[in-house]
Amino acid sequence: MPAADGDLAVELDRYLRHLAIERGRSPHTIAAYRRDLTRFLETLTVAGVRDAAGITPELARDFARGLRDGPDPLAASSVARMLSSVRGFTRFLVDEQRIPIDPAVDLVAPKLPDRLPKALTIAQVERLLDAASGDEPAELRDRALLELLYATGARVSEAVSLNVDDLLGGSGEGEGTTDLVRLFGKGSKQRIVPVGSYARAALDAYLVRSRPLLSARGRATPALFLGMRGARLSRQSAWLVIRAAAERAQLDRELGEHGISPHSLRHSFATHLLQGGADVRVVQELLGHASVATTQIYTRVTADALRDMYVTAHPRAR
């Protein structure tokens, strides 16, 4: 399929710069928007459209129909994501007065089934964390990483982006204790999250006994979590740490076909807080959710668990 060219490509670049600079979107998010919108622009180019003024509601609907009913139909979640990208792009064109009306305003994304996040039980979390033990530099790092993920509900990308100075409450590497951590979420939004005693102990052990050794293997870096060559630990490497610990804890067979995910500890953090009586708005702040509606899905998880327990235990529940 021919590549988009001319004014359409220029408008796409303007939009992506807007997302990066003015909206603070991450490089990963920008790359996803670029992939989705390049497909949209390629479809427009085939239809003979060369500039933004040529985008019509009919062409937008045809694009949506092709995603659902074409020779290689996409899953409903992928269709919803692509149409969201298109609506954002055309709305930007209207806001920038490139076009007078929004040709994608009436696009309706397919209804997605409710998907509850998969949380580990407290016992499973303890097994996962216990599986990351030992006194070698990598083992101390892995335990600190996993303890921090569960203690704070941080996304994996947020954890590996941490610098030593983002640990608050101590005086730096190997000194004091860490009581709080500064996390940077989507849109570079900052939040401060408490760190529990287990994670504090694991982080202190890593900072004193492991990080100096790993740091000596590479160039000086402020990164908190380091790889074996002394550079910042990558998101992919952190994910491998989680998977390896899950395999050692023999959790895969218990968790079914989907197994453990990069968000498993984040989901478990939120679920266990709510089960323990935490207010949903407090959990919203800790997770860095922009809307409480995103956090409320976890209340469904805990309600389902309570219902199952009730049906099992109450003599007149069935």
C-alpha atoms as a PDB file:
ATOM      1  CA  MET A   1       0.000   0.000   0.000  1.00  0.00           C
ATOM      2  CA  PRO A   2       1.466   3.406  -0.874  1.00  0.00           C
ATOM      3  CA  ALA A   3       2.729   5.612   1.916  1.00  0.00           C
ATOM      4  CA  ALA A   4       0.883   8.757   2.906  1.00  0.00           C
ATOM      5  CA  ASP A   5       2.404  11.881   1.424  1.00  0.00           C
ATOM      6  CA  GLY A   6       1.912  15.603   0.973  1.00  0.00           C
ATOM      7  CA  ASP A   7      -0.179  17.630   3.373  1.00  0.00           C
ATOM      8  CA  LEU A   8      -1.566  14.571   5.159  1.00  0.00           C
ATOM      9  CA  ALA A   9       1.904  13.521   6.280  1.00  0.00           C
ATOM     10  CA  VAL A  10       2.658  17.083   7.376  1.00  0.00           C
ATOM     11  CA  GLU A  11      -0.542  17.234   9.427  1.00  0.00           C
ATOM     12  CA  LEU A  12       0.293  13.893  11.040  1.00  0.00           C
ATOM     13  CA  ASP A  13       3.722  15.168  12.081  1.00  0.00           C
ATOM     14  CA  ARG A  14       2.145  18.325  13.525  1.00  0.00           C
ATOM     15  CA  TYR A  15      -0.310  16.240  15.528  1.00  0.00           C
ATOM     16  CA  LEU A  16       2.364  13.922  16.898  1.00  0.00           C
ATOM     17  CA  ARG A  17       4.489  16.916  17.944  1.00  0.00           C
ATOM     18  CA  HIS A  18       1.415  18.333  19.691  1.00  0.00           C
ATOM     19  CA  LEU A  19       0.949  15.072  21.592  1.00  0.00           C
ATOM     20  CA  ALA A  20       4.604  14.910  22.588  1.00  0.00           C
ATOM     21  CA  ILE A  21       5.220  18.551  23.518  1.00  0.00           C
ATOM     22  CA  GLU A  22       1.878  19.978  24.615  1.00  0.00           C
ATOM     23  CA  ARG A  23       0.181  16.828  25.932  1.00  0.00           C
ATOM     24  CA  GLY A  24       3.313  15.160  27.327  1.00  0.00           C
ATOM     25  CA  ARG A  25       2.649  11.764  25.764  1.00  0.00           C
ATOM     26  CA  SER A  26       5.418   9.185  26.078  1.00  0.00           C
ATOM     27  CA  PRO A  27       7.516   7.999  23.094  1.00  0.00           C
ATOM     28  CA  HIS A  28       5.773   4.610  23.369  1.00  0.00           C
ATOM     29  CA  THR A  29       2.349   6.262  23.074  1.00  0.00           C
ATOM     30  CA  ILE A  30       3.497   8.474  20.188  1.00  0.00           C
ATOM     31  CA  ALA A  31       4.749   5.403  18.320  1.00  0.00           C
ATOM     32  CA  ALA A  32       1.355   3.715  18.774  1.00  0.00           C
ATOM     33  CA  TYR A  33      -0.487   6.787  17.441  1.00  0.00           C
ATOM     34  CA  ARG A  34       1.879   6.926  14.475  1.00  0.00           C
ATOM     35  CA  ARG A  35       1.185   3.289  13.568  1.00  0.00           C
ATOM     36  CA  ASP A  36      -2.579   3.692  13.801  1.00  0.00           C
ATOM     37  CA  LEU A  37      -2.760   6.980  11.918  1.00  0.00           C
ATOM     38  CA  THR A  38      -0.319   5.896   9.221  1.00  0.00           C
ATOM     39  CA  ARG A  39      -2.774   3.131   8.360  1.00  0.00           C
ATOM     40  CA  PHE A  40      -5.612   5.688   8.228  1.00  0.00           C
ATOM     41  CA  LEU A  41      -3.625   8.036   6.003  1.00  0.00           C
ATOM     42  CA  GLU A  42      -2.592   5.198   3.697  1.00  0.00           C
ATOM     43  CA  THR A  43      -6.275   4.359   3.216  1.00  0.00           C
ATOM     44  CA  LEU A  44      -7.036   8.000   2.420  1.00  0.00           C
ATOM     45  CA  THR A  45      -4.166   8.133  -0.070  1.00  0.00           C
ATOM     46  CA  VAL A  46      -5.549   5.098  -1.922  1.00  0.00           C
ATOM     47  CA  ALA A  47      -8.904   6.924  -2.103  1.00  0.00           C
ATOM     48  CA  GLY A  48      -7.178   9.871  -3.770  1.00  0.00           C
ATOM     49  CA  VAL A  49      -7.132  12.201  -0.772  1.00  0.00           C
ATOM     50  CA  ARG A  50      -4.085  14.431  -0.687  1.00  0.00           C
ATOM     51  CA  ASP A  51      -4.876  16.948   2.057  1.00  0.00           C
ATOM     52  CA  ALA A  52      -6.918  17.241   5.233  1.00  0.00           C
ATOM     53  CA  ALA A  53      -9.800  18.990   3.462  1.00  0.00           C
ATOM     54  CA  GLY A  54     -10.450  15.798   1.523  1.00  0.00           C
ATOM     55  CA  ILE A  55     -11.272  13.711   4.620  1.00  0.00           C
ATOM     56  CA  THR A  56     -15.039  13.132   4.591  1.00  0.00           C
ATOM     57  CA  PRO A  57     -17.353  11.377   7.058  1.00  0.00           C
ATOM     58  CA  GLU A  58     -17.969   8.723   4.401  1.00  0.00           C
ATOM     59  CA  LEU A  59     -14.257   7.943   4.109  1.00  0.00           C
ATOM     60  CA  ALA A  60     -13.934   7.805   7.914  1.00  0.00           C
ATOM     61  CA  ARG A  61     -16.855   5.366   8.095  1.00  0.00           C
ATOM     62  CA  ASP A  62     -15.380   3.279   5.281  1.00  0.00           C
ATOM     63  CA  PHE A  63     -12.110   3.065   7.196  1.00  0.00           C
ATOM     64  CA  ALA A  64     -13.909   1.918  10.341  1.00  0.00           C
ATOM     65  CA  ARG A  65     -15.903  -0.635   8.350  1.00  0.00           C
ATOM     66  CA  GLY A  66     -12.712  -1.984   6.782  1.00  0.00           C
ATOM     67  CA  LEU A  67     -11.152  -2.512  10.196  1.00  0.00           C
ATOM     68  CA  ARG A  68     -14.119  -4.616  11.299  1.00  0.00           C
ATOM     69  CA  ASP A  69     -15.163  -6.366   8.099  1.00  0.00           C
ATOM     70  CA  GLY A  70     -12.088  -6.329   5.841  1.00  0.00           C
ATOM     71  CA  PRO A  71     -10.106  -9.379   4.717  1.00  0.00           C
ATOM     72  CA  ASP A  72      -8.076  -9.232   7.963  1.00  0.00           C
ATOM     73  CA  PRO A  73     -10.580  -8.001  10.564  1.00  0.00           C
ATOM     74  CA  LEU A  74      -9.141  -6.660  13.778  1.00  0.00           C
ATOM     75  CA  ALA A  75     -10.210  -7.522  17.299  1.00  0.00           C
ATOM     76  CA  ALA A  76     -12.742  -5.163  18.850  1.00  0.00           C
ATOM     77  CA  SER A  77     -10.102  -3.726  21.185  1.00  0.00           C
ATOM     78  CA  SER A  78      -7.793  -2.904  18.254  1.00  0.00           C
ATOM     79  CA  VAL A  79     -10.645  -1.308  16.303  1.00  0.00           C
ATOM     80  CA  ALA A  80     -11.570   0.801  19.339  1.00  0.00           C
ATOM     81  CA  ARG A  81      -7.959   1.929  19.759  1.00  0.00           C
ATOM     82  CA  MET A  82      -7.562   2.868  16.084  1.00  0.00           C
ATOM     83  CA  LEU A  83     -10.833   4.800  15.960  1.00  0.00           C
ATOM     84  CA  SER A  84      -9.818   6.659  19.114  1.00  0.00           C
ATOM     85  CA  SER A  85      -6.576   7.647  17.366  1.00  0.00           C
ATOM     86  CA  VAL A  86      -8.490   8.834  14.295  1.00  0.00           C
ATOM     87  CA  ARG A  87     -10.968  10.875  16.353  1.00  0.00           C
ATOM     88  CA  GLY A  88      -8.116  12.542  18.226  1.00  0.00           C
ATOM     89  CA  PHE A  89      -6.385  13.416  14.955  1.00  0.00           C
ATOM     90  CA  THR A  90      -9.460  14.876  13.238  1.00  0.00           C
ATOM     91  CA  ARG A  91     -10.422  16.804  16.384  1.00  0.00           C
ATOM     92  CA  PHE A  92      -6.926  18.338  16.323  1.00  0.00           C
ATOM     93  CA  LEU A  93      -7.413  19.335  12.682  1.00  0.00           C
ATOM     94  CA  VAL A  94     -10.627  21.139  13.610  1.00  0.00           C
ATOM     95  CA  ASP A  95      -9.049  22.835  16.637  1.00  0.00           C
ATOM     96  CA  GLU A  96      -6.168  24.033  14.452  1.00  0.00           C
ATOM     97  CA  GLN A  97      -8.675  25.279  11.837  1.00  0.00           C
ATOM     98  CA  ARG A  98      -7.291  22.989   9.158  1.00  0.00           C
ATOM     99  CA  ILE A  99     -10.808  21.700   8.435  1.00  0.00           C
ATOM    100  CA  PRO A 100     -14.216  23.235   9.285  1.00  0.00           C
ATOM    101  CA  ILE A 101     -16.017  20.137  10.599  1.00  0.00           C
ATOM    102  CA  ASP A 102     -14.878  16.912  12.244  1.00  0.00           C
ATOM    103  CA  PRO A 103     -15.384  14.023   9.772  1.00  0.00           C
ATOM    104  CA  ALA A 104     -14.873  11.358  12.464  1.00  0.00           C
ATOM    105  CA  VAL A 105     -17.067  12.789  15.203  1.00  0.00           C
ATOM    106  CA  ASP A 106     -19.784  10.173  14.612  1.00  0.00           C
ATOM    107  CA  LEU A 107     -17.498   7.140  14.547  1.00  0.00           C
ATOM    108  CA  VAL A 108     -18.650   4.659  17.172  1.00  0.00           C
ATOM    109  CA  ALA A 109     -16.163   2.200  18.620  1.00  0.00           C
ATOM    110  CA  PRO A 110     -17.312  -1.392  19.158  1.00  0.00           C
ATOM    111  CA  LYS A 111     -18.487  -2.194  22.669  1.00  0.00           C
ATOM    112  CA  LEU A 112     -15.756  -4.020  24.542  1.00  0.00           C
ATOM    113  CA  PRO A 113     -16.511  -6.788  27.025  1.00  0.00           C
ATOM    114  CA  ASP A 114     -15.825  -5.983  30.647  1.00  0.00           C
ATOM    115  CA  ARG A 115     -12.413  -7.368  31.502  1.00  0.00           C
ATOM    116  CA  LEU A 116     -11.521  -7.508  35.135  1.00  0.00           C
ATOM    117  CA  PRO A 117      -7.834  -7.200  35.944  1.00  0.00           C
ATOM    118  CA  LYS A 118      -6.135 -10.385  37.105  1.00  0.00           C
ATOM    119  CA  ALA A 119      -4.867 -10.011  40.654  1.00  0.00           C
ATOM    120  CA  LEU A 120      -2.753 -12.452  42.603  1.00  0.00           C
ATOM    121  CA  THR A 121      -3.799 -13.565  46.048  1.00  0.00           C
ATOM    122  CA  ILE A 122      -1.756 -12.312  48.982  1.00  0.00           C
ATOM    123  CA  ALA A 123      -0.280 -15.795  49.361  1.00  0.00           C
ATOM    124  CA  GLN A 124       0.713 -15.856  45.682  1.00  0.00           C
ATOM    125  CA  VAL A 125       2.367 -12.438  45.979  1.00  0.00           C
ATOM    126  CA  GLU A 126       4.346 -13.660  48.978  1.00  0.00           C
ATOM    127  CA  ARG A 127       5.508 -16.711  47.018  1.00  0.00           C
ATOM    128  CA  LEU A 128       6.510 -14.512  44.075  1.00  0.00           C
ATOM    129  CA  LEU A 129       8.521 -12.185  46.302  1.00  0.00           C
ATOM    130  CA  ASP A 130      10.115 -15.069  48.199  1.00  0.00           C
ATOM    131  CA  ALA A 131      11.201 -16.550  44.861  1.00  0.00           C
ATOM    132  CA  ALA A 132      13.366 -13.446  44.327  1.00  0.00           C
ATOM    133  CA  SER A 133      15.849 -13.983  47.127  1.00  0.00           C
ATOM    134  CA  GLY A 134      19.589 -14.297  47.478  1.00  0.00           C
ATOM    135  CA  ASP A 135      22.675 -12.210  48.104  1.00  0.00           C
ATOM    136  CA  GLU A 136      24.060 -11.832  44.574  1.00  0.00           C
ATOM    137  CA  PRO A 137      23.856  -8.320  43.070  1.00  0.00           C
ATOM    138  CA  ALA A 138      21.167  -9.301  40.548  1.00  0.00           C
ATOM    139  CA  GLU A 139      19.156 -11.139  43.208  1.00  0.00           C
ATOM    140  CA  LEU A 140      19.191  -8.151  45.559  1.00  0.00           C
ATOM    141  CA  ARG A 141      18.132  -5.893  42.686  1.00  0.00           C
ATOM    142  CA  ASP A 142      15.322  -8.221  41.614  1.00  0.00           C
ATOM    143  CA  ARG A 143      13.929  -8.459  45.130  1.00  0.00           C
ATOM    144  CA  ALA A 144      14.014  -4.670  45.495  1.00  0.00           C
ATOM    145  CA  LEU A 145      12.267  -4.208  42.146  1.00  0.00           C
ATOM    146  CA  LEU A 146       9.472  -6.669  42.903  1.00  0.00           C
ATOM    147  CA  GLU A 147       8.955  -5.378  46.435  1.00  0.00           C
ATOM    148  CA  LEU A 148       8.739  -1.817  45.103  1.00  0.00           C
ATOM    149  CA  LEU A 149       6.228  -2.758  42.383  1.00  0.00           C
ATOM    150  CA  TYR A 150       3.917  -4.393  44.915  1.00  0.00           C
ATOM    151  CA  ALA A 151       4.448  -1.768  47.627  1.00  0.00           C
ATOM    152  CA  THR A 152       3.618   1.190  45.373  1.00  0.00           C
ATOM    153  CA  GLY A 153       1.475  -0.129  42.509  1.00  0.00           C
ATOM    154  CA  ALA A 154       3.948   1.404  40.068  1.00  0.00           C
ATOM    155  CA  ARG A 155       3.816   0.475  36.413  1.00  0.00           C
ATOM    156  CA  VAL A 156       6.913  -1.399  35.248  1.00  0.00           C
ATOM    157  CA  SER A 157       7.795   1.545  32.986  1.00  0.00           C
ATOM    158  CA  GLU A 158       7.551   3.909  35.963  1.00  0.00           C
ATOM    159  CA  ALA A 159       9.795   1.704  38.114  1.00  0.00           C
ATOM    160  CA  VAL A 160      12.593   1.397  35.564  1.00  0.00           C
ATOM    161  CA  SER A 161      12.442   5.170  34.930  1.00  0.00           C
ATOM    162  CA  LEU A 162      13.198   5.930  38.586  1.00  0.00           C
ATOM    163  CA  ASN A 163      16.393   7.671  39.595  1.00  0.00           C
ATOM    164  CA  VAL A 164      18.014   7.291  42.993  1.00  0.00           C
ATOM    165  CA  ASP A 165      16.921  10.841  43.845  1.00  0.00           C
ATOM    166  CA  ASP A 166      13.287   9.792  43.410  1.00  0.00           C
ATOM    167  CA  LEU A 167      13.563   7.814  46.644  1.00  0.00           C
ATOM    168  CA  LEU A 168      12.533  10.238  49.367  1.00  0.00           C
ATOM    169  CA  GLY A 169      13.189  10.070  53.075  1.00  0.00           C
ATOM    170  CA  GLY A 170      16.858   9.098  52.948  1.00  0.00           C
ATOM    171  CA  SER A 171      19.992  11.030  52.091  1.00  0.00           C
ATOM    172  CA  GLY A 172      21.022   9.112  49.016  1.00  0.00           C
ATOM    173  CA  GLU A 173      22.588   5.816  48.058  1.00  0.00           C
ATOM    174  CA  GLY A 174      23.339   3.682  51.072  1.00  0.00           C
ATOM    175  CA  GLU A 175      22.227   6.307  53.601  1.00  0.00           C
ATOM    176  CA  GLY A 176      19.030   6.517  55.615  1.00  0.00           C
ATOM    177  CA  THR A 177      15.799   4.804  54.690  1.00  0.00           C
ATOM    178  CA  THR A 178      13.283   5.259  51.915  1.00  0.00           C
ATOM    179  CA  ASP A 179       9.799   6.260  53.119  1.00  0.00           C
ATOM    180  CA  LEU A 180       8.343   7.667  49.890  1.00  0.00           C
ATOM    181  CA  VAL A 181       8.939   7.348  46.176  1.00  0.00           C
ATOM    182  CA  ARG A 182       8.295   9.929  43.461  1.00  0.00           C
ATOM    183  CA  LEU A 183       6.704   8.307  40.405  1.00  0.00           C
ATOM    184  CA  PHE A 184       6.098   9.859  36.998  1.00  0.00           C
ATOM    185  CA  GLY A 185       3.017   8.455  35.287  1.00  0.00           C
ATOM    186  CA  LYS A 186       1.282   9.083  31.991  1.00  0.00           C
ATOM    187  CA  GLY A 187       1.776  12.595  30.707  1.00  0.00           C
ATOM    188  CA  SER A 188       4.730  12.952  33.110  1.00  0.00           C
ATOM    189  CA  LYS A 189       2.225  13.488  35.934  1.00  0.00           C
ATOM    190  CA  GLN A 190       4.033  13.230  39.257  1.00  0.00           C
ATOM    191  CA  ARG A 191       2.720  11.449  42.337  1.00  0.00           C
ATOM    192  CA  ILE A 192       4.255  10.619  45.715  1.00  0.00           C
ATOM    193  CA  VAL A 193       3.576   7.115  47.041  1.00  0.00           C
ATOM    194  CA  PRO A 194       4.505   5.643  50.438  1.00  0.00           C
ATOM    195  CA  VAL A 195       6.883   2.682  50.585  1.00  0.00           C
ATOM    196  CA  GLY A 196       6.198  -0.071  53.130  1.00  0.00           C
ATOM    197  CA  SER A 197       8.737  -1.616  55.468  1.00  0.00           C
ATOM    198  CA  TYR A 198       9.428  -4.723  53.368  1.00  0.00           C
ATOM    199  CA  ALA A 199      10.159  -2.674  50.257  1.00  0.00           C
ATOM    200  CA  ARG A 200      12.250  -0.230  52.313  1.00  0.00           C
ATOM    201  CA  ALA A 201      14.407  -3.056  53.616  1.00  0.00           C
ATOM    202  CA  ALA A 202      14.827  -4.558  50.129  1.00  0.00           C
ATOM    203  CA  LEU A 203      15.725  -1.180  48.613  1.00  0.00           C
ATOM    204  CA  ASP A 204      18.213  -0.385  51.379  1.00  0.00           C
ATOM    205  CA  ALA A 205      19.907  -3.774  50.905  1.00  0.00           C
ATOM    206  CA  TYR A 206      20.087  -3.212  47.141  1.00  0.00           C
ATOM    207  CA  LEU A 207      21.446   0.342  47.460  1.00  0.00           C
ATOM    208  CA  VAL A 208      24.137  -0.652  49.959  1.00  0.00           C
ATOM    209  CA  ARG A 209      25.229  -4.082  48.734  1.00  0.00           C
ATOM    210  CA  SER A 210      24.313  -4.336  45.056  1.00  0.00           C
ATOM    211  CA  ARG A 211      23.926  -1.053  43.184  1.00  0.00           C
ATOM    212  CA  PRO A 212      27.504   0.170  43.809  1.00  0.00           C
ATOM    213  CA  LEU A 213      28.825  -3.072  42.278  1.00  0.00           C
ATOM    214  CA  LEU A 214      26.542  -2.850  39.254  1.00  0.00           C
ATOM    215  CA  SER A 215      27.277   0.858  38.820  1.00  0.00           C
ATOM    216  CA  ALA A 216      31.029   0.190  38.685  1.00  0.00           C
ATOM    217  CA  ARG A 217      30.480  -1.930  35.558  1.00  0.00           C
ATOM    218  CA  GLY A 218      29.214   0.975  33.446  1.00  0.00           C
ATOM    219  CA  ARG A 219      29.143   4.725  33.093  1.00  0.00           C
ATOM    220  CA  ALA A 220      27.781   6.869  35.896  1.00  0.00           C
ATOM    221  CA  THR A 221      23.983   7.046  35.757  1.00  0.00           C
ATOM    222  CA  PRO A 222      21.345   8.339  38.163  1.00  0.00           C
ATOM    223  CA  ALA A 223      19.110   5.336  37.380  1.00  0.00           C
ATOM    224  CA  LEU A 224      17.881   3.426  40.406  1.00  0.00           C
ATOM    225  CA  PHE A 225      17.683  -0.044  38.887  1.00  0.00           C
ATOM    226  CA  LEU A 226      20.717  -1.121  36.897  1.00  0.00           C
ATOM    227  CA  GLY A 227      21.364  -4.009  34.562  1.00  0.00           C
ATOM    228  CA  MET A 228      24.349  -6.311  34.753  1.00  0.00           C
ATOM    229  CA  ARG A 229      26.432  -3.920  32.624  1.00  0.00           C
ATOM    230  CA  GLY A 230      25.709  -0.909  34.803  1.00  0.00           C
ATOM    231  CA  ALA A 231      23.165   0.797  32.535  1.00  0.00           C
ATOM    232  CA  ARG A 232      19.537   1.540  33.380  1.00  0.00           C
ATOM    233  CA  LEU A 233      17.451  -1.629  33.569  1.00  0.00           C
ATOM    234  CA  SER A 234      15.133  -1.853  30.563  1.00  0.00           C
ATOM    235  CA  ARG A 235      11.397  -2.463  30.721  1.00  0.00           C
ATOM    236  CA  GLN A 236      11.884  -5.768  28.906  1.00  0.00           C
ATOM    237  CA  SER A 237      14.508  -6.897  31.432  1.00  0.00           C
ATOM    238  CA  ALA A 238      12.214  -5.961  34.327  1.00  0.00           C
ATOM    239  CA  TRP A 239       9.442  -8.028  32.749  1.00  0.00           C
ATOM    240  CA  LEU A 240      11.841 -10.991  32.494  1.00  0.00           C
ATOM    241  CA  VAL A 241      12.585 -10.584  36.212  1.00  0.00           C
ATOM    242  CA  ILE A 242       8.868 -10.902  36.998  1.00  0.00           C
ATOM    243  CA  ARG A 243       8.432 -13.923  34.738  1.00  0.00           C
ATOM    244  CA  ALA A 244      11.483 -15.699  36.139  1.00  0.00           C
ATOM    245  CA  ALA A 245      10.262 -15.197  39.711  1.00  0.00           C
ATOM    246  CA  ALA A 246       6.808 -16.496  38.741  1.00  0.00           C
ATOM    247  CA  GLU A 247       8.347 -19.615  37.225  1.00  0.00           C
ATOM    248  CA  ARG A 248      10.448 -20.269  40.322  1.00  0.00           C
ATOM    249  CA  ALA A 249       7.347 -19.801  42.491  1.00  0.00           C
ATOM    250  CA  GLN A 250       5.451 -22.217  40.175  1.00  0.00           C
ATOM    251  CA  LEU A 251       2.661 -19.692  39.742  1.00  0.00           C
ATOM    252  CA  ASP A 252       2.111 -20.182  36.011  1.00  0.00           C
ATOM    253  CA  ARG A 253       0.117 -23.367  36.409  1.00  0.00           C
ATOM    254  CA  GLU A 254      -2.170 -21.660  38.942  1.00  0.00           C
ATOM    255  CA  LEU A 255      -2.784 -18.517  36.915  1.00  0.00           C
ATOM    256  CA  GLY A 256      -4.170 -20.240  33.832  1.00  0.00           C
ATOM    257  CA  GLU A 257      -3.497 -19.594  30.170  1.00  0.00           C
ATOM    258  CA  HIS A 258      -2.764 -15.872  30.562  1.00  0.00           C
ATOM    259  CA  GLY A 259      -0.262 -16.408  33.369  1.00  0.00           C
ATOM    260  CA  ILE A 260       1.363 -13.421  35.002  1.00  0.00           C
ATOM    261  CA  SER A 261       1.478 -10.015  33.298  1.00  0.00           C
ATOM    262  CA  PRO A 262       3.603  -6.888  33.718  1.00  0.00           C
ATOM    263  CA  HIS A 263       0.631  -5.318  35.528  1.00  0.00           C
ATOM    264  CA  SER A 264      -0.036  -8.255  37.883  1.00  0.00           C
ATOM    265  CA  LEU A 265       1.616  -6.645  40.897  1.00  0.00           C
ATOM    266  CA  ARG A 266      -0.084  -3.302  40.150  1.00  0.00           C
ATOM    267  CA  HIS A 267      -3.485  -5.019  39.967  1.00  0.00           C
ATOM    268  CA  SER A 268      -2.726  -6.940  43.157  1.00  0.00           C
ATOM    269  CA  PHE A 269      -1.674  -3.743  44.942  1.00  0.00           C
ATOM    270  CA  ALA A 270      -4.999  -2.052  44.142  1.00  0.00           C
ATOM    271  CA  THR A 271      -7.155  -5.104  44.871  1.00  0.00           C
ATOM    272  CA  HIS A 272      -5.515  -5.841  48.218  1.00  0.00           C
ATOM    273  CA  LEU A 273      -5.805  -2.204  49.335  1.00  0.00           C
ATOM    274  CA  LEU A 274      -9.534  -2.178  48.599  1.00  0.00           C
ATOM    275  CA  GLN A 275     -10.003  -5.539  50.279  1.00  0.00           C
ATOM    276  CA  GLY A 276      -8.263  -4.062  53.311  1.00  0.00           C
ATOM    277  CA  GLY A 277     -10.730  -1.168  53.471  1.00  0.00           C
ATOM    278  CA  ALA A 278      -8.899   1.597  51.590  1.00  0.00           C
ATOM    279  CA  ASP A 279     -11.070   4.319  50.041  1.00  0.00           C
ATOM    280  CA  VAL A 280     -11.309   4.069  46.257  1.00  0.00           C
ATOM    281  CA  ARG A 281     -10.225   7.702  45.830  1.00  0.00           C
ATOM    282  CA  VAL A 282      -7.086   7.083  47.862  1.00  0.00           C
ATOM    283  CA  VAL A 283      -6.309   4.103  45.631  1.00  0.00           C
ATOM    284  CA  GLN A 284      -6.971   6.323  42.600  1.00  0.00           C
ATOM    285  CA  GLU A 285      -4.311   8.772  43.781  1.00  0.00           C
ATOM    286  CA  LEU A 286      -1.822   6.013  44.540  1.00  0.00           C
ATOM    287  CA  LEU A 287      -2.284   4.458  41.097  1.00  0.00           C
ATOM    288  CA  GLY A 288      -2.144   7.811  39.315  1.00  0.00           C
ATOM    289  CA  HIS A 289      -5.484   7.347  37.558  1.00  0.00           C
ATOM    290  CA  ALA A 290      -6.900  10.527  36.048  1.00  0.00           C
ATOM    291  CA  SER A 291     -10.467   9.328  36.666  1.00  0.00           C
ATOM    292  CA  VAL A 292     -11.910   7.415  39.601  1.00  0.00           C
ATOM    293  CA  ALA A 293     -13.955   5.418  37.079  1.00  0.00           C
ATOM    294  CA  THR A 294     -10.750   3.653  36.021  1.00  0.00           C
ATOM    295  CA  THR A 295     -10.046   2.683  39.611  1.00  0.00           C
ATOM    296  CA  GLN A 296     -13.594   1.501  40.301  1.00  0.00           C
ATOM    297  CA  ILE A 297     -13.075  -1.586  38.177  1.00  0.00           C
ATOM    298  CA  TYR A 298     -11.114  -2.954  41.128  1.00  0.00           C
ATOM    299  CA  THR A 299     -14.177  -2.632  43.331  1.00  0.00           C
ATOM    300  CA  ARG A 300     -15.848  -5.095  40.956  1.00  0.00           C
ATOM    301  CA  VAL A 301     -13.015  -7.541  41.604  1.00  0.00           C
ATOM    302  CA  THR A 302     -13.399  -7.347  45.372  1.00  0.00           C
ATOM    303  CA  ALA A 303     -17.205  -7.498  45.145  1.00  0.00           C
ATOM    304  CA  ASP A 304     -16.961 -10.676  43.066  1.00  0.00           C
ATOM    305  CA  ALA A 305     -14.615 -12.228  45.629  1.00  0.00           C
ATOM    306  CA  LEU A 306     -17.005 -11.357  48.460  1.00  0.00           C
ATOM    307  CA  ARG A 307     -19.924 -12.831  46.518  1.00  0.00           C
ATOM    308  CA  ASP A 308     -18.065 -16.086  45.914  1.00  0.00           C
ATOM    309  CA  MET A 309     -17.150 -16.339  49.584  1.00  0.00           C
ATOM    310  CA  TYR A 310     -20.752 -15.611  50.609  1.00  0.00           C
ATOM    311  CA  VAL A 311     -22.179 -18.280  48.321  1.00  0.00           C
ATOM    312  CA  THR A 312     -19.654 -20.795  49.596  1.00  0.00           C
ATOM    313  CA  ALA A 313     -20.037 -20.034  53.303  1.00  0.00           C
ATOM    314  CA  HIS A 314     -23.628 -18.963  53.967  1.00  0.00           C
ATOM    315  CA  PRO A 315     -26.045 -21.839  54.662  1.00  0.00           C
ATOM    316  CA  ARG A 316     -28.946 -20.170  52.832  1.00  0.00           C
ATOM    317  CA  ALA A 317     -27.064 -18.519  49.994  1.00  0.00           C
ATOM    318  CA  ARG A 318     -28.045 -21.199  47.463  1.00  0.00           C
END
